[in-house]
Amino acid sequence: MGNHVLVIEDEPNIVEAIRFILMRDGWDVSTLSDGDLAEDTIRFCRPDVVILDVMLPGRSGLEVLAALRADAATRSLPVLMLTAKGQGRDRAEAERIGASRFMSKPFSNTEILASVRALAGV
């Protein structure tokens, strides 16, 4: 497949679950656990899709998303935002800023895979 996904999430169990699901489907998966490094890592890795947690150490996922949308080079990069279930305010803010999709944790394997495939156009 050759598509690259960057997972920016600070919970190791969630990172490993997403990595396993996507790698089994043929995706190249990179991971990062710190919001402060997100923008530089995205520019360096040039992923096809970013999975971005709302709550991260350093900068929040919402701050990272706002920076991505403000930059012409990353404005159209597909971003799937993740957050804990029941955080409606975060979802509304992510949609306002320009999240491509939004998903609450916990999520199903099928749901995450279908979302990434749709965002990548495969």
C-alpha atoms as a PDB file:
ATOM      1  CA  MET A   1       0.000   0.000   0.000  1.00  0.00           C
ATOM      2  CA  GLY A   2       2.819   2.414   0.855  1.00  0.00           C
ATOM      3  CA  ASN A   3       0.666   4.890   2.800  1.00  0.00           C
ATOM      4  CA  HIS A   4       2.130   6.470   5.916  1.00  0.00           C
ATOM      5  CA  VAL A   5       0.219   7.265   9.109  1.00  0.00           C
ATOM      6  CA  LEU A   6       1.670   9.293  11.978  1.00  0.00           C
ATOM      7  CA  VAL A   7       0.022   8.524  15.321  1.00  0.00           C
ATOM      8  CA  ILE A   8       0.453  11.297  17.910  1.00  0.00           C
ATOM      9  CA  GLU A   9      -0.829   9.789  21.153  1.00  0.00           C
ATOM     10  CA  ASP A  10       0.663   9.576  24.645  1.00  0.00           C
ATOM     11  CA  GLU A  11      -1.075   6.409  25.899  1.00  0.00           C
ATOM     12  CA  PRO A  12       1.207   3.458  24.999  1.00  0.00           C
ATOM     13  CA  ASN A  13      -1.615   0.880  24.903  1.00  0.00           C
ATOM     14  CA  ILE A  14      -3.583   2.958  22.409  1.00  0.00           C
ATOM     15  CA  VAL A  15      -0.475   3.583  20.297  1.00  0.00           C
ATOM     16  CA  GLU A  16       0.281  -0.130  20.120  1.00  0.00           C
ATOM     17  CA  ALA A  17      -3.324  -1.037  19.312  1.00  0.00           C
ATOM     18  CA  ILE A  18      -3.502   1.477  16.453  1.00  0.00           C
ATOM     19  CA  ARG A  19      -0.060   0.488  15.172  1.00  0.00           C
ATOM     20  CA  PHE A  20      -1.034  -3.191  15.139  1.00  0.00           C
ATOM     21  CA  ILE A  21      -4.362  -2.579  13.372  1.00  0.00           C
ATOM     22  CA  LEU A  22      -2.821  -0.394  10.671  1.00  0.00           C
ATOM     23  CA  MET A  23       0.392  -2.361  10.115  1.00  0.00           C
ATOM     24  CA  ARG A  24      -1.630  -5.558   9.705  1.00  0.00           C
ATOM     25  CA  ASP A  25      -3.478  -3.732   6.905  1.00  0.00           C
ATOM     26  CA  GLY A  26      -0.192  -2.748   5.209  1.00  0.00           C
ATOM     27  CA  TRP A  27       0.287   0.811   6.510  1.00  0.00           C
ATOM     28  CA  ASP A  28       3.641   2.347   7.423  1.00  0.00           C
ATOM     29  CA  VAL A  29       3.114   3.688  10.962  1.00  0.00           C
ATOM     30  CA  SER A  30       5.231   6.205  12.887  1.00  0.00           C
ATOM     31  CA  THR A  31       4.440   7.338  16.412  1.00  0.00           C
ATOM     32  CA  LEU A  32       5.028  10.349  18.618  1.00  0.00           C
ATOM     33  CA  SER A  33       3.867  11.035  22.184  1.00  0.00           C
ATOM     34  CA  ASP A  34       4.585  14.763  22.618  1.00  0.00           C
ATOM     35  CA  GLY A  35       2.630  17.715  21.234  1.00  0.00           C
ATOM     36  CA  ASP A  36       5.683  19.999  21.298  1.00  0.00           C
ATOM     37  CA  LEU A  37       7.399  17.905  18.610  1.00  0.00           C
ATOM     38  CA  ALA A  38       4.319  17.329  16.454  1.00  0.00           C
ATOM     39  CA  GLU A  39       4.665  20.074  13.836  1.00  0.00           C
ATOM     40  CA  ASP A  40       8.343  19.424  13.109  1.00  0.00           C
ATOM     41  CA  THR A  41       7.749  15.669  12.981  1.00  0.00           C
ATOM     42  CA  ILE A  42       4.846  16.095  10.557  1.00  0.00           C
ATOM     43  CA  ARG A  43       6.940  18.295   8.280  1.00  0.00           C
ATOM     44  CA  PHE A  44       9.829  15.805   8.385  1.00  0.00           C
ATOM     45  CA  CYS A  45       7.789  12.587   8.001  1.00  0.00           C
ATOM     46  CA  ARG A  46       5.226  13.954   5.540  1.00  0.00           C
ATOM     47  CA  PRO A  47       2.527  11.430   6.505  1.00  0.00           C
ATOM     48  CA  ASP A  48      -0.541  10.770   4.401  1.00  0.00           C
ATOM     49  CA  VAL A  49      -2.776  10.811   7.501  1.00  0.00           C
ATOM     50  CA  VAL A  50      -2.269  12.023  11.080  1.00  0.00           C
ATOM     51  CA  ILE A  51      -4.075  10.496  14.045  1.00  0.00           C
ATOM     52  CA  LEU A  52      -3.906  13.182  16.731  1.00  0.00           C
ATOM     53  CA  ASP A  53      -4.958  12.907  20.367  1.00  0.00           C
ATOM     54  CA  VAL A  54      -6.548  16.007  21.881  1.00  0.00           C
ATOM     55  CA  MET A  55      -4.775  15.700  25.243  1.00  0.00           C
ATOM     56  CA  LEU A  56      -0.995  15.522  24.873  1.00  0.00           C
ATOM     57  CA  PRO A  57       1.982  16.595  26.955  1.00  0.00           C
ATOM     58  CA  GLY A  58       3.491  19.853  25.720  1.00  0.00           C
ATOM     59  CA  ARG A  59       1.040  21.322  23.223  1.00  0.00           C
ATOM     60  CA  SER A  60      -2.495  20.007  23.015  1.00  0.00           C
ATOM     61  CA  GLY A  61      -3.770  18.295  19.901  1.00  0.00           C
ATOM     62  CA  LEU A  62      -6.076  21.267  19.342  1.00  0.00           C
ATOM     63  CA  GLU A  63      -3.084  23.639  19.320  1.00  0.00           C
ATOM     64  CA  VAL A  64      -1.245  21.346  16.911  1.00  0.00           C
ATOM     65  CA  LEU A  65      -4.297  21.126  14.637  1.00  0.00           C
ATOM     66  CA  ALA A  66      -4.676  24.919  14.593  1.00  0.00           C
ATOM     67  CA  ALA A  67      -1.011  25.290  13.587  1.00  0.00           C
ATOM     68  CA  LEU A  68      -1.404  22.693  10.825  1.00  0.00           C
ATOM     69  CA  ARG A  69      -4.470  24.427   9.420  1.00  0.00           C
ATOM     70  CA  ALA A  70      -2.721  27.829   9.512  1.00  0.00           C
ATOM     71  CA  ASP A  71       0.168  26.546   7.358  1.00  0.00           C
ATOM     72  CA  ALA A  72      -0.431  26.208   3.602  1.00  0.00           C
ATOM     73  CA  ALA A  73       1.867  23.163   3.463  1.00  0.00           C
ATOM     74  CA  THR A  74      -0.267  21.173   5.938  1.00  0.00           C
ATOM     75  CA  ARG A  75      -3.668  22.837   5.609  1.00  0.00           C
ATOM     76  CA  SER A  76      -5.217  19.927   3.694  1.00  0.00           C
ATOM     77  CA  LEU A  77      -3.443  17.099   5.556  1.00  0.00           C
ATOM     78  CA  PRO A  78      -6.098  14.628   6.758  1.00  0.00           C
ATOM     79  CA  VAL A  79      -6.246  14.666  10.571  1.00  0.00           C
ATOM     80  CA  LEU A  80      -8.264  12.201  12.637  1.00  0.00           C
ATOM     81  CA  MET A  81      -8.710  13.616  16.152  1.00  0.00           C
ATOM     82  CA  LEU A  82      -9.030  11.277  19.142  1.00  0.00           C
ATOM     83  CA  THR A  83     -10.367  12.105  22.585  1.00  0.00           C
ATOM     84  CA  ALA A  84     -11.910  10.489  25.612  1.00  0.00           C
ATOM     85  CA  LYS A  85     -15.583   9.668  25.329  1.00  0.00           C
ATOM     86  CA  GLY A  86     -17.957  12.414  26.411  1.00  0.00           C
ATOM     87  CA  GLN A  87     -15.735  15.405  25.644  1.00  0.00           C
ATOM     88  CA  GLY A  88     -18.221  17.223  23.418  1.00  0.00           C
ATOM     89  CA  ARG A  89     -16.524  20.592  23.860  1.00  0.00           C
ATOM     90  CA  ASP A  90     -13.248  19.195  22.477  1.00  0.00           C
ATOM     91  CA  ARG A  91     -15.092  17.708  19.526  1.00  0.00           C
ATOM     92  CA  ALA A  92     -16.805  20.995  18.704  1.00  0.00           C
ATOM     93  CA  GLU A  93     -13.500  22.872  18.915  1.00  0.00           C
ATOM     94  CA  ALA A  94     -11.707  20.298  16.737  1.00  0.00           C
ATOM     95  CA  GLU A  95     -14.427  20.547  14.101  1.00  0.00           C
ATOM     96  CA  ARG A  96     -14.255  24.361  14.223  1.00  0.00           C
ATOM     97  CA  ILE A  97     -10.477  24.321  13.737  1.00  0.00           C
ATOM     98  CA  GLY A  98     -10.703  21.877  10.850  1.00  0.00           C
ATOM     99  CA  ALA A  99     -10.348  18.268  11.947  1.00  0.00           C
ATOM    100  CA  SER A 100     -11.029  15.939   9.022  1.00  0.00           C
ATOM    101  CA  ARG A 101     -12.709  13.405  11.305  1.00  0.00           C
ATOM    102  CA  PHE A 102     -13.256  12.912  14.990  1.00  0.00           C
ATOM    103  CA  MET A 103     -13.331   9.688  17.006  1.00  0.00           C
ATOM    104  CA  SER A 104     -13.966   8.997  20.681  1.00  0.00           C
ATOM    105  CA  LYS A 105     -11.966   6.500  22.707  1.00  0.00           C
ATOM    106  CA  PRO A 106     -12.548   3.646  23.050  1.00  0.00           C
ATOM    107  CA  PHE A 107     -12.934   2.902  19.357  1.00  0.00           C
ATOM    108  CA  SER A 108     -13.305  -0.337  17.443  1.00  0.00           C
ATOM    109  CA  ASN A 109     -10.591  -1.755  15.197  1.00  0.00           C
ATOM    110  CA  THR A 110     -12.968  -1.591  12.257  1.00  0.00           C
ATOM    111  CA  GLU A 111     -13.821   2.047  12.978  1.00  0.00           C
ATOM    112  CA  ILE A 112     -10.201   3.254  13.116  1.00  0.00           C
ATOM    113  CA  LEU A 113      -9.209   1.321   9.996  1.00  0.00           C
ATOM    114  CA  ALA A 114     -12.214   2.530   8.002  1.00  0.00           C
ATOM    115  CA  SER A 115     -11.552   6.129   9.026  1.00  0.00           C
ATOM    116  CA  VAL A 116      -7.876   6.020   8.046  1.00  0.00           C
ATOM    117  CA  ARG A 117      -8.670   4.355   4.722  1.00  0.00           C
ATOM    118  CA  ALA A 118     -11.322   6.991   3.950  1.00  0.00           C
ATOM    119  CA  LEU A 119      -9.022   9.866   4.885  1.00  0.00           C
ATOM    120  CA  ALA A 120      -6.246   8.472   2.684  1.00  0.00           C
ATOM    121  CA  GLY A 121      -8.656   7.849  -0.166  1.00  0.00           C
ATOM    122  CA  VAL A 122      -8.038   4.100  -0.377  1.00  0.00           C
END
